[in-house]
Amino acid sequence: MAAMADEQINTPREAEVDVFVNAVGLLSTLQRTVKDLRRDLDIERQQRSDDHDLLTEMLHREIEGRSRGNDTITQLIESAEHQLTERCDSAARVLSMSDDKVADRVTAMESGLA
């Protein structure tokens, strides 16, 4: 009877131990899961940061390229304006010349081309 009494006393205790061991196992599993999720989150954050940095760099390059393109267009416009001004000035000088001077100049130009 003493053996049965010991079994009855140990049986609930063993059940408590089993519950405790299972709880510790679940807790350990949860801790590993949380650790894995944190690692995955850190990896995702780093990837997003890297993507953001890459997109920012690409955007800056695009802006710089367009800026250089705009500078080139501005230079072409300024060059065309300068050439147009020179031609207008030249035409104004020709118009202000007398007919004899215009004829002499045309003759000189034709001689230079020949």
N, C-alpha and C. Protein backbone atom coordinates (compact mmCIF):
# COMPACT_ATOMS: atom_id res chain seq x y z
N MET A 1 0.81 -1.18 0.00
CA MET A 1 0.00 0.00 0.00
C MET A 1 0.87 1.26 0.00
N ALA A 2 1.98 1.16 0.64
CA ALA A 2 2.89 2.30 0.67
C ALA A 2 3.40 2.58 -0.74
N ALA A 3 3.61 1.52 -1.51
CA ALA A 3 4.06 1.71 -2.89
C ALA A 3 2.99 2.40 -3.70
N MET A 4 1.75 2.04 -3.49
CA MET A 4 0.65 2.68 -4.22
C MET A 4 0.52 4.13 -3.81
N ALA A 5 0.76 4.39 -2.59
CA ALA A 5 0.67 5.77 -2.12
C ALA A 5 1.76 6.60 -2.76
N ASP A 6 2.95 6.01 -2.86
CA ASP A 6 4.04 6.72 -3.52
C ASP A 6 3.71 6.97 -4.98
N GLU A 7 3.12 6.00 -5.63
CA GLU A 7 2.75 6.18 -7.04
C GLU A 7 1.73 7.27 -7.20
N GLN A 8 0.76 7.31 -6.31
CA GLN A 8 -0.27 8.34 -6.40
C GLN A 8 0.35 9.72 -6.16
N ILE A 9 1.28 9.79 -5.27
CA ILE A 9 1.93 11.07 -5.00
C ILE A 9 2.82 11.46 -6.16
N ASN A 10 3.55 10.51 -6.70
CA ASN A 10 4.47 10.79 -7.80
C ASN A 10 3.73 11.02 -9.12
N THR A 11 2.64 10.39 -9.31
CA THR A 11 1.92 10.52 -10.58
C THR A 11 1.49 11.97 -10.85
N PRO A 12 0.85 12.63 -9.92
CA PRO A 12 0.52 14.05 -10.19
C PRO A 12 1.79 14.89 -10.34
N ARG A 13 2.80 14.56 -9.59
CA ARG A 13 4.07 15.31 -9.68
C ARG A 13 4.71 15.09 -11.04
N GLU A 14 4.70 13.85 -11.51
CA GLU A 14 5.23 13.56 -12.83
C GLU A 14 4.44 14.30 -13.91
N ALA A 15 3.15 14.37 -13.74
CA ALA A 15 2.32 15.10 -14.69
C ALA A 15 2.69 16.57 -14.69
N GLU A 16 2.94 17.12 -13.51
CA GLU A 16 3.35 18.52 -13.42
C GLU A 16 4.70 18.72 -14.10
N VAL A 17 5.59 17.76 -13.88
CA VAL A 17 6.92 17.84 -14.50
C VAL A 17 6.78 17.77 -16.02
N ASP A 18 5.95 16.86 -16.51
CA ASP A 18 5.72 16.74 -17.95
C ASP A 18 5.18 18.04 -18.52
N VAL A 19 4.21 18.61 -17.82
CA VAL A 19 3.64 19.88 -18.27
C VAL A 19 4.72 20.95 -18.29
N PHE A 20 5.54 20.99 -17.25
CA PHE A 20 6.61 21.97 -17.16
C PHE A 20 7.63 21.77 -18.28
N VAL A 21 8.03 20.51 -18.52
CA VAL A 21 9.00 20.20 -19.58
C VAL A 21 8.42 20.61 -20.94
N ASN A 22 7.14 20.30 -21.16
CA ASN A 22 6.50 20.71 -22.42
C ASN A 22 6.46 22.23 -22.55
N ALA A 23 6.16 22.89 -21.44
CA ALA A 23 6.10 24.36 -21.46
C ALA A 23 7.47 24.93 -21.77
N VAL A 24 8.52 24.36 -21.17
CA VAL A 24 9.88 24.82 -21.44
C VAL A 24 10.23 24.57 -22.91
N GLY A 25 9.84 23.41 -23.42
CA GLY A 25 10.08 23.10 -24.84
C GLY A 25 9.39 24.09 -25.75
N LEU A 26 8.13 24.41 -25.44
CA LEU A 26 7.38 25.39 -26.24
C LEU A 26 8.02 26.77 -26.15
N LEU A 27 8.44 27.13 -24.96
CA LEU A 27 9.07 28.43 -24.76
C LEU A 27 10.37 28.51 -25.57
N SER A 28 11.13 27.43 -25.53
CA SER A 28 12.38 27.38 -26.29
C SER A 28 12.09 27.51 -27.79
N THR A 29 11.07 26.80 -28.25
CA THR A 29 10.67 26.89 -29.66
C THR A 29 10.24 28.31 -30.01
N LEU A 30 9.45 28.93 -29.14
CA LEU A 30 9.00 30.31 -29.37
C LEU A 30 10.18 31.27 -29.41
N GLN A 31 11.15 31.06 -28.52
CA GLN A 31 12.33 31.92 -28.50
C GLN A 31 13.11 31.80 -29.80
N ARG A 32 13.27 30.56 -30.30
CA ARG A 32 13.96 30.36 -31.57
C ARG A 32 13.19 31.00 -32.71
N THR A 33 11.85 30.86 -32.68
CA THR A 33 11.01 31.45 -33.71
C THR A 33 11.13 32.97 -33.70
N VAL A 34 11.08 33.56 -32.52
CA VAL A 34 11.21 35.01 -32.40
C VAL A 34 12.59 35.44 -32.89
N LYS A 35 13.61 34.70 -32.52
CA LYS A 35 14.98 35.01 -32.97
C LYS A 35 15.06 34.95 -34.49
N ASP A 36 14.49 33.89 -35.08
CA ASP A 36 14.49 33.75 -36.54
C ASP A 36 13.71 34.89 -37.21
N LEU A 37 12.57 35.24 -36.62
CA LEU A 37 11.77 36.34 -37.19
C LEU A 37 12.51 37.67 -37.11
N ARG A 38 13.19 37.89 -36.01
CA ARG A 38 13.98 39.13 -35.88
C ARG A 38 15.09 39.16 -36.90
N ARG A 39 15.76 38.02 -37.10
CA ARG A 39 16.82 37.95 -38.10
C ARG A 39 16.25 38.22 -39.49
N ASP A 40 15.12 37.59 -39.79
CA ASP A 40 14.48 37.81 -41.09
C ASP A 40 14.07 39.27 -41.26
N LEU A 41 13.56 39.88 -40.20
CA LEU A 41 13.18 41.28 -40.24
C LEU A 41 14.39 42.17 -40.48
N ASP A 42 15.50 41.87 -39.80
CA ASP A 42 16.72 42.64 -40.01
C ASP A 42 17.22 42.51 -41.45
N ILE A 43 17.14 41.29 -41.98
CA ILE A 43 17.54 41.06 -43.38
C ILE A 43 16.64 41.86 -44.31
N GLU A 44 15.34 41.83 -44.07
CA GLU A 44 14.38 42.57 -44.91
C GLU A 44 14.64 44.08 -44.81
N ARG A 45 14.88 44.55 -43.61
CA ARG A 45 15.17 45.99 -43.44
C ARG A 45 16.43 46.38 -44.21
N GLN A 46 17.46 45.54 -44.11
CA GLN A 46 18.71 45.82 -44.82
C GLN A 46 18.48 45.81 -46.33
N GLN A 47 17.70 44.84 -46.79
CA GLN A 47 17.41 44.75 -48.23
C GLN A 47 16.66 46.00 -48.69
N ARG A 48 15.68 46.42 -47.92
CA ARG A 48 14.93 47.63 -48.27
C ARG A 48 15.84 48.86 -48.25
N SER A 49 16.72 48.91 -47.28
CA SER A 49 17.67 50.02 -47.20
C SER A 49 18.59 50.01 -48.42
N ASP A 50 19.08 48.82 -48.77
CA ASP A 50 19.94 48.70 -49.96
C ASP A 50 19.17 49.10 -51.22
N ASP A 51 17.92 48.65 -51.33
CA ASP A 51 17.08 49.01 -52.48
C ASP A 51 16.86 50.52 -52.52
N HIS A 52 16.60 51.10 -51.37
CA HIS A 52 16.39 52.55 -51.29
C HIS A 52 17.66 53.29 -51.72
N ASP A 53 18.81 52.82 -51.22
CA ASP A 53 20.07 53.46 -51.59
C ASP A 53 20.32 53.34 -53.09
N LEU A 54 20.05 52.18 -53.65
CA LEU A 54 20.24 51.96 -55.08
C LEU A 54 19.31 52.86 -55.90
N LEU A 55 18.04 52.91 -55.52
CA LEU A 55 17.09 53.75 -56.24
C LEU A 55 17.45 55.23 -56.11
N THR A 56 17.91 55.62 -54.94
CA THR A 56 18.33 57.01 -54.74
C THR A 56 19.52 57.34 -55.64
N GLU A 57 20.48 56.43 -55.71
CA GLU A 57 21.65 56.64 -56.57
C GLU A 57 21.24 56.72 -58.04
N MET A 58 20.33 55.83 -58.45
CA MET A 58 19.86 55.85 -59.84
C MET A 58 19.15 57.17 -60.14
N LEU A 59 18.35 57.64 -59.20
CA LEU A 59 17.63 58.90 -59.37
C LEU A 59 18.62 60.06 -59.49
N HIS A 60 19.64 60.06 -58.64
CA HIS A 60 20.64 61.13 -58.70
C HIS A 60 21.37 61.11 -60.05
N ARG A 61 21.70 59.92 -60.53
CA ARG A 61 22.37 59.82 -61.84
C ARG A 61 21.47 60.33 -62.95
N GLU A 62 20.18 59.99 -62.87
CA GLU A 62 19.22 60.46 -63.88
C GLU A 62 19.12 61.98 -63.85
N ILE A 63 19.04 62.54 -62.65
CA ILE A 63 18.95 63.99 -62.51
C ILE A 63 20.22 64.65 -63.05
N GLU A 64 21.38 64.09 -62.71
CA GLU A 64 22.65 64.64 -63.21
C GLU A 64 22.71 64.55 -64.72
N GLY A 65 22.27 63.42 -65.27
CA GLY A 65 22.27 63.25 -66.73
C GLY A 65 21.37 64.26 -67.40
N ARG A 66 20.20 64.45 -66.84
CA ARG A 66 19.28 65.43 -67.42
C ARG A 66 19.83 66.84 -67.26
N SER A 67 20.48 67.09 -66.14
CA SER A 67 21.07 68.41 -65.92
C SER A 67 22.16 68.67 -66.95
N ARG A 68 23.00 67.64 -67.20
CA ARG A 68 24.04 67.78 -68.23
C ARG A 68 23.40 67.96 -69.60
N GLY A 69 22.32 67.23 -69.84
CA GLY A 69 21.61 67.38 -71.11
C GLY A 69 21.04 68.78 -71.26
N ASN A 70 20.48 69.30 -70.17
CA ASN A 70 19.95 70.66 -70.20
C ASN A 70 21.07 71.66 -70.42
N ASP A 71 22.23 71.43 -69.79
CA ASP A 71 23.38 72.32 -69.99
C ASP A 71 23.82 72.30 -71.45
N THR A 72 23.82 71.11 -72.05
CA THR A 72 24.21 70.98 -73.45
C THR A 72 23.22 71.73 -74.34
N ILE A 73 21.94 71.55 -74.07
CA ILE A 73 20.92 72.24 -74.85
C ILE A 73 21.06 73.75 -74.70
N THR A 74 21.32 74.19 -73.47
CA THR A 74 21.52 75.63 -73.22
C THR A 74 22.72 76.14 -74.00
N GLN A 75 23.80 75.37 -74.02
CA GLN A 75 24.99 75.78 -74.78
C GLN A 75 24.69 75.84 -76.27
N LEU A 76 23.94 74.88 -76.77
CA LEU A 76 23.58 74.90 -78.19
C LEU A 76 22.72 76.11 -78.53
N ILE A 77 21.78 76.42 -77.65
CA ILE A 77 20.91 77.59 -77.86
C ILE A 77 21.74 78.86 -77.84
N GLU A 78 22.64 78.97 -76.86
CA GLU A 78 23.49 80.15 -76.78
C GLU A 78 24.38 80.28 -78.01
N SER A 79 24.91 79.16 -78.48
CA SER A 79 25.75 79.17 -79.69
C SER A 79 24.94 79.60 -80.90
N ALA A 80 23.71 79.07 -81.02
CA ALA A 80 22.84 79.45 -82.15
C ALA A 80 22.48 80.93 -82.07
N GLU A 81 22.21 81.42 -80.86
CA GLU A 81 21.90 82.84 -80.70
C GLU A 81 23.09 83.70 -81.11
N HIS A 82 24.29 83.27 -80.71
CA HIS A 82 25.50 84.01 -81.06
C HIS A 82 25.70 84.05 -82.58
N GLN A 83 25.53 82.88 -83.22
CA GLN A 83 25.68 82.82 -84.69
C GLN A 83 24.63 83.68 -85.37
N LEU A 84 23.40 83.63 -84.87
CA LEU A 84 22.32 84.44 -85.44
C LEU A 84 22.63 85.93 -85.29
N THR A 85 23.12 86.32 -84.14
CA THR A 85 23.49 87.73 -83.91
C THR A 85 24.58 88.15 -84.87
N GLU A 86 25.59 87.30 -85.03
CA GLU A 86 26.68 87.62 -85.97
C GLU A 86 26.15 87.78 -87.39
N ARG A 87 25.28 86.89 -87.81
CA ARG A 87 24.72 86.96 -89.17
C ARG A 87 23.85 88.20 -89.35
N CYS A 88 23.07 88.51 -88.32
CA CYS A 88 22.23 89.72 -88.39
C CYS A 88 23.10 90.98 -88.46
N ASP A 89 24.16 91.00 -87.65
CA ASP A 89 25.09 92.13 -87.68
C ASP A 89 25.75 92.25 -89.05
N SER A 90 26.14 91.11 -89.59
CA SER A 90 26.77 91.11 -90.91
C SER A 90 25.78 91.60 -91.97
N ALA A 91 24.55 91.11 -91.87
CA ALA A 91 23.52 91.54 -92.84
C ALA A 91 23.25 93.03 -92.68
N ALA A 92 23.26 93.53 -91.46
CA ALA A 92 23.02 94.96 -91.23
C ALA A 92 24.16 95.79 -91.82
N ARG A 93 25.40 95.30 -91.68
CA ARG A 93 26.53 96.02 -92.27
C ARG A 93 26.42 96.05 -93.79
N VAL A 94 26.02 94.91 -94.36
CA VAL A 94 25.87 94.85 -95.82
C VAL A 94 24.77 95.81 -96.28
N LEU A 95 23.66 95.83 -95.54
CA LEU A 95 22.56 96.71 -95.92
C LEU A 95 22.94 98.19 -95.80
N SER A 96 23.86 98.49 -94.89
CA SER A 96 24.25 99.88 -94.73
C SER A 96 25.31 100.31 -95.74
N MET A 97 25.87 99.36 -96.47
CA MET A 97 26.89 99.70 -97.48
C MET A 97 26.22 100.27 -98.72
N SER A 98 27.01 100.98 -99.43
CA SER A 98 26.51 101.47 -100.71
C SER A 98 26.53 100.33 -101.71
N ASP A 99 25.82 100.51 -102.80
CA ASP A 99 25.73 99.46 -103.81
C ASP A 99 27.11 99.11 -104.36
N ASP A 100 27.98 100.07 -104.51
CA ASP A 100 29.32 99.80 -105.04
C ASP A 100 30.12 98.94 -104.07
N LYS A 101 30.02 99.24 -102.79
CA LYS A 101 30.76 98.46 -101.79
C LYS A 101 30.22 97.03 -101.72
N VAL A 102 28.91 96.87 -101.89
CA VAL A 102 28.31 95.52 -101.87
C VAL A 102 28.83 94.73 -103.05
N ALA A 103 28.88 95.36 -104.22
CA ALA A 103 29.37 94.68 -105.42
C ALA A 103 30.83 94.29 -105.24
N ASP A 104 31.63 95.21 -104.67
CA ASP A 104 33.05 94.90 -104.44
C ASP A 104 33.21 93.74 -103.46
N ARG A 105 32.40 93.73 -102.46
CA ARG A 105 32.48 92.67 -101.45
C ARG A 105 32.07 91.32 -102.05
N VAL A 106 31.01 91.32 -102.85
CA VAL A 106 30.56 90.08 -103.50
C VAL A 106 31.66 89.57 -104.42
N THR A 107 32.29 90.46 -105.14
CA THR A 107 33.38 90.07 -106.04
C THR A 107 34.54 89.49 -105.25
N ALA A 108 34.86 90.11 -104.12
CA ALA A 108 35.95 89.63 -103.28
C ALA A 108 35.63 88.25 -102.72
N MET A 109 34.40 88.06 -102.33
CA MET A 109 33.98 86.76 -101.79
C MET A 109 34.04 85.69 -102.87
N GLU A 110 33.58 86.05 -104.06
CA GLU A 110 33.62 85.07 -105.17
C GLU A 110 35.04 84.73 -105.53
N SER A 111 35.95 85.69 -105.48
CA SER A 111 37.37 85.45 -105.79
C SER A 111 37.98 84.52 -104.75
N GLY A 112 37.58 84.72 -103.50
CA GLY A 112 38.11 83.87 -102.41
C GLY A 112 37.63 82.43 -102.53
N LEU A 113 36.45 82.23 -103.10
CA LEU A 113 35.91 80.89 -103.26
C LEU A 113 36.48 80.16 -104.45
N ALA A 114 36.98 80.90 -105.40
CA ALA A 114 37.48 80.29 -106.64
C ALA A 114 38.83 79.67 -106.48
